C-alpha cells in the first residue's frame, strides 16, 4: 500500500483515478491545481505523485520542476501529449515515467507499481542489475572518455558531469556494464525496468535523451549504436575518436 497524490483538474477524471487506485489498496490524496499539489507534497510524506499536465494555474511541466525543487518523490506524468521532444523534456525535468491518455485503470496501476518498485531499488545493492552485486557494486565503470560511479550515481564524459534523470542513469550504467556487447530491448526491459508493461517507445525516448546528452551524431555515433533487428550496443570509441 502506498500514499499517492493525484493531481488532476477535471473532477470526473480525478474521481475515477482515486477510485482505481483505492481499489488497488493505495491511500490517495488529491489536488486540482499545481499550487495545491505543491502544498500536498510539503504537507506529509508521499510515495508517488500522478501528475496531469493540463492544470489551470501552472503548466504541468512547471509544476514538475517545482516539485523536484522540494522533493524526490517519484512522479508519474499522465498526459494527452505524445510528442517525443516534450516527453524527453519531462523526463529531463525529473519525471520517472509517463502515461499517454487515454489509459486503463490496470495500466495505471501497473505503471505506478513499477515506479514504486524502481524508487526503492537503489538501496538494494546485492540484487541491482544496474550496479552489479557484491564488490562490483562499488566499482566505477569506464568506457572511453565516459566514467560512471554507480554508488554516487554520477556520470562524467570527458571531464564534464552529465545531468541525467534517474532512469537515464540506470540505462547508461547498464549499457556501460555490457560495453561492446549487443543487448536486446527485451533484456533492457527485464534488467533495467524490471516489469513487462513498458513499451519500446519508452526505451527509445530514453535512448534519444542519452544520445543528445552524450553529444552523439546520428551519422557517426560515438558510444551508442543500434544494431538493426538485434538491439543496442555501447561501444568503446577508438583512440582519438
Protein backbone atom coordinates (compact mmCIF):
# COMPACT_ATOMS: atom_id res chain seq x y z
CA UNK A 1 0.00 0.00 0.00
CA UNK A 2 1.35 3.42 -0.98
CA UNK A 3 0.45 7.02 -0.29
CA UNK A 4 -0.29 8.57 -3.70
CA UNK A 5 -1.13 12.13 -4.69
CA UNK A 6 -3.36 12.53 -7.77
CA UNK A 7 -3.03 15.93 -9.45
CA UNK A 8 -5.87 16.35 -11.95
CA UNK A 9 -8.09 19.38 -12.56
CA UNK A 10 -11.04 17.54 -14.16
CA UNK A 11 -13.26 16.37 -11.27
CA UNK A 12 -14.66 13.33 -13.09
CA UNK A 13 -11.25 12.06 -14.14
CA UNK A 14 -9.84 12.78 -10.69
CA UNK A 15 -12.61 10.77 -9.07
CA UNK A 16 -12.03 7.85 -11.44
CA UNK A 17 -8.29 7.81 -10.73
CA UNK A 18 -8.91 7.90 -6.99
CA UNK A 19 -11.39 5.03 -7.29
CA UNK A 20 -8.97 2.89 -9.30
CA UNK A 21 -6.01 3.50 -7.01
CA UNK A 22 -8.08 2.94 -3.88
CA UNK A 23 -9.29 -0.37 -5.30
CA UNK A 24 -5.63 -1.43 -5.56
CA UNK A 25 -5.13 -0.67 -1.88
CA UNK A 26 -3.41 2.71 -2.11
CA UNK A 27 -4.09 5.67 0.18
CA UNK A 28 -4.94 8.55 -2.14
CA UNK A 29 -4.81 12.32 -1.69
CA UNK A 30 -5.70 14.72 -4.47
CA UNK A 31 -5.23 18.24 -5.77
CA UNK A 32 -6.93 20.09 -8.61
CA UNK A 33 -4.13 22.50 -9.50
CA UNK A 34 -0.37 22.93 -9.39
CA UNK A 35 -0.10 25.02 -6.25
CA UNK A 36 -2.42 22.64 -4.45
CA UNK A 37 -0.09 19.82 -5.47
CA UNK A 38 2.91 21.68 -4.04
CA UNK A 39 1.08 22.18 -0.75
CA UNK A 40 0.26 18.46 -0.58
CA UNK A 41 3.86 17.47 -1.35
CA UNK A 42 5.11 19.60 1.57
CA UNK A 43 2.27 18.67 3.95
CA UNK A 44 3.04 14.99 4.55
CA UNK A 45 5.24 12.22 3.11
CA UNK A 46 4.18 10.68 -0.21
CA UNK A 47 5.29 7.56 -2.05
CA UNK A 48 4.33 8.81 -5.53
CA UNK A 49 2.62 11.60 -7.48
CA UNK A 50 0.45 11.14 -10.56
CA UNK A 51 0.61 14.47 -12.39
CA UNK A 52 -1.66 15.75 -15.14
CA UNK A 53 -0.09 18.40 -17.39
CA UNK A 54 -3.19 20.43 -18.24
CA UNK A 55 -3.58 22.30 -14.94
CA UNK A 56 -5.48 25.59 -14.60
CA UNK A 57 -2.79 27.59 -12.77
CA UNK A 58 0.52 26.03 -13.84
CA UNK A 59 1.65 24.03 -16.81
CA UNK A 60 2.29 20.53 -15.53
CA UNK A 61 5.92 20.70 -16.66
CA UNK A 62 6.43 23.78 -14.46
CA UNK A 63 4.68 22.03 -11.59
CA UNK A 64 7.00 19.05 -12.05
CA UNK A 65 10.09 21.27 -11.84
CA UNK A 66 8.75 22.93 -8.70
CA UNK A 67 8.03 19.55 -7.11
CA UNK A 68 11.56 18.46 -7.95
CA UNK A 69 12.86 21.56 -6.21
CA UNK A 70 11.43 20.39 -2.89
CA UNK A 71 11.11 16.60 -3.15
CA UNK A 72 12.47 13.48 -4.83
CA UNK A 73 9.09 11.73 -4.66
CA UNK A 74 8.56 9.57 -7.78
CA UNK A 75 6.36 11.34 -10.35
CA UNK A 76 4.29 9.54 -12.99
CA UNK A 77 3.10 12.02 -15.61
CA UNK A 78 -0.36 11.44 -17.07
CA UNK A 79 -0.64 13.35 -20.33
CA UNK A 80 -2.52 13.58 -23.59
CA UNK A 81 0.65 14.90 -25.21
CA UNK A 82 2.65 12.29 -27.12
CA UNK A 83 5.34 14.43 -28.78
CA UNK A 84 8.78 12.85 -28.33
CA UNK A 85 10.52 16.18 -27.67
CA UNK A 86 8.06 17.09 -24.93
CA UNK A 87 8.28 13.65 -23.33
CA UNK A 88 12.10 13.89 -23.31
CA UNK A 89 11.85 17.35 -21.72
CA UNK A 90 9.59 15.95 -19.00
CA UNK A 91 11.99 13.10 -18.28
CA UNK A 92 14.86 15.59 -18.19
CA UNK A 93 12.87 17.70 -15.73
CA UNK A 94 12.62 14.75 -13.35
CA UNK A 95 9.61 12.65 -14.33
CA UNK A 96 10.07 8.96 -13.55
CA UNK A 97 7.66 7.69 -16.20
CA UNK A 98 4.68 8.80 -18.24
CA UNK A 99 1.34 7.53 -19.47
CA UNK A 100 -0.41 8.88 -22.55
CA UNK A 101 -4.17 9.37 -22.17
CA UNK A 102 -6.47 7.57 -22.51
CA UNK A 103 -5.25 4.64 -20.44
CA UNK A 104 -6.92 1.85 -18.49
CA UNK A 105 -7.04 1.58 -14.73
CA UNK A 106 -4.99 -1.60 -14.93
CA UNK A 107 -2.28 0.09 -16.95
CA UNK A 108 -2.14 2.97 -14.47
CA UNK A 109 -1.84 0.58 -11.53
CA UNK A 110 0.89 -1.42 -13.28
CA UNK A 111 2.95 1.64 -14.21
CA UNK A 112 2.57 3.06 -10.71
CA UNK A 113 3.65 -0.28 -9.22
CA UNK A 114 6.74 -0.29 -11.44
CA UNK A 115 7.65 3.29 -10.46
CA UNK A 116 7.28 2.41 -6.78
CA UNK A 117 9.48 -0.68 -7.16
CA UNK A 118 12.17 1.25 -9.00
CA UNK A 119 12.16 4.04 -6.43
CA UNK A 120 13.27 1.58 -3.73
CA UNK A 121 15.76 -0.38 -5.85
CA UNK A 122 18.91 1.77 -5.30
CA UNK A 123 19.08 0.70 -1.65
CA UNK A 124 19.35 -2.98 -2.55
CA UNK A 125 22.85 -3.27 -3.98
CA UNK A 126 23.18 -7.03 -3.96
CA UNK A 127 20.28 -7.56 -6.33
CA UNK A 128 20.62 -4.45 -8.50
CA UNK A 129 21.38 -5.46 -12.11
CA UNK A 130 22.42 -1.91 -13.00
CA UNK A 131 25.06 -1.66 -10.28
CA UNK A 132 26.03 -5.30 -10.15
CA UNK A 133 26.41 -7.31 -6.98
CA UNK A 134 28.81 -7.61 -4.09
CA UNK A 135 32.12 -5.78 -4.55
CA UNK A 136 31.21 -4.96 -8.16
CA UNK A 137 28.54 -2.58 -6.88
CA UNK A 138 31.22 -0.15 -5.68
CA UNK A 139 33.37 -0.29 -8.81
CA UNK A 140 33.44 2.59 -11.24
CA UNK A 141 32.82 1.87 -14.93
CA UNK A 142 34.97 3.41 -17.64
CA UNK A 143 34.21 3.29 -21.35
CA UNK A 144 36.44 5.58 -23.40
CA UNK A 145 36.06 9.09 -22.00
CA UNK A 146 32.94 8.11 -20.02
CA UNK A 147 33.29 7.32 -16.32
CA UNK A 148 30.35 6.15 -14.23
CA UNK A 149 30.27 5.93 -10.42
CA UNK A 150 27.36 3.62 -9.51
CA UNK A 151 27.36 4.36 -5.78
CA UNK A 152 27.45 8.12 -6.26
CA UNK A 153 25.17 7.85 -9.30
CA UNK A 154 27.31 10.23 -11.32
CA UNK A 155 28.43 10.02 -14.95
CA UNK A 156 31.28 12.15 -16.31
CA UNK A 157 32.05 12.47 -20.01
CA UNK A 158 35.41 13.95 -20.99
CA UNK A 159 35.64 15.71 -17.62
CA UNK A 160 32.09 17.12 -17.66
CA UNK A 161 29.39 15.68 -15.41
CA UNK A 162 26.24 14.68 -17.27
CA UNK A 163 22.88 15.83 -15.95
CA UNK A 164 20.83 12.64 -16.12
CA UNK A 165 17.42 11.63 -14.86
CA UNK A 166 17.31 8.55 -12.62
CA UNK A 167 16.15 6.31 -15.45
CA UNK A 168 18.70 7.70 -17.90
CA UNK A 169 21.46 6.95 -15.40
CA UNK A 170 20.22 3.41 -14.85
CA UNK A 171 20.11 2.77 -18.60
CA UNK A 172 23.54 4.30 -19.22
CA UNK A 173 25.13 2.33 -16.38
CA UNK A 174 23.55 -0.89 -17.61
CA UNK A 175 24.82 -0.40 -21.17
CA UNK A 176 28.27 0.56 -19.87
CA UNK A 177 28.47 -2.62 -17.78
CA UNK A 178 27.77 -4.50 -21.02
CA UNK A 179 30.09 -2.39 -23.17
CA UNK A 180 30.87 -3.85 -26.61
CA UNK A 181 28.01 -6.34 -26.23
CA UNK A 182 24.69 -6.15 -28.02
CA UNK A 183 21.76 -6.13 -25.60
CA UNK A 184 18.19 -6.55 -26.81
CA UNK A 185 15.35 -4.28 -25.78
CA UNK A 186 13.82 -7.32 -24.11
CA UNK A 187 16.94 -7.56 -21.93
CA UNK A 188 16.76 -3.87 -21.10
CA UNK A 189 13.11 -4.21 -20.13
CA UNK A 190 13.87 -7.18 -17.89
CA UNK A 191 17.04 -5.84 -16.27
CA UNK A 192 16.53 -2.06 -16.07
CA UNK A 193 12.76 -1.53 -15.99
CA UNK A 194 12.14 -4.98 -14.47
CA UNK A 195 8.49 -5.14 -15.47
CA UNK A 196 6.60 -6.18 -18.62
CA UNK A 197 4.41 -3.13 -19.16
CA UNK A 198 6.99 -0.75 -20.63
CA UNK A 199 6.80 -0.44 -24.39
CA UNK A 200 9.64 0.03 -26.87
CA UNK A 201 8.83 3.72 -27.25
CA UNK A 202 9.78 4.34 -23.61
CA UNK A 203 13.22 2.83 -24.20
CA UNK A 204 13.60 4.76 -27.46
CA UNK A 205 12.78 8.04 -25.71
CA UNK A 206 15.40 7.41 -23.03
CA UNK A 207 17.98 6.38 -25.63
CA UNK A 208 17.27 9.53 -27.61
CA UNK A 209 17.82 11.64 -24.50
CA UNK A 210 21.07 9.81 -23.70
CA UNK A 211 22.36 10.29 -27.24
CA UNK A 212 21.70 14.01 -27.02
CA UNK A 213 23.45 14.32 -23.67
CA UNK A 214 26.40 12.27 -24.90
CA UNK A 215 26.69 14.60 -27.91
CA UNK A 216 26.07 11.77 -30.36
CA UNK A 217 25.64 12.48 -34.05
CA UNK A 218 23.21 10.25 -35.92
CA UNK A 219 25.56 9.54 -38.82
CA UNK A 220 28.61 8.86 -36.62
CA UNK A 221 27.60 7.66 -33.13
CA UNK A 222 30.49 7.61 -30.69
CA UNK A 223 29.07 5.42 -27.92
CA UNK A 224 25.52 4.23 -28.58
CA UNK A 225 24.83 2.18 -31.67
CA UNK A 226 21.65 0.49 -32.79
CA UNK A 227 22.15 -2.97 -34.25
CA UNK A 228 19.13 -3.21 -36.51
CA UNK A 229 16.82 -6.07 -35.62
CA UNK A 230 19.01 -7.12 -32.68
CA UNK A 231 19.36 -4.41 -30.07
CA UNK A 232 21.63 -1.71 -28.66
CA UNK A 233 25.37 -1.67 -28.08
CA UNK A 234 27.61 0.74 -26.20
CA UNK A 235 30.96 0.71 -27.97
CA UNK A 236 34.38 1.75 -26.73
CA UNK A 237 35.47 4.61 -29.01
CA UNK A 238 38.69 4.21 -30.93
CA UNK A 239 41.60 6.30 -29.68
CA UNK A 240 41.21 9.89 -30.82
CA UNK A 241 37.57 9.40 -31.76
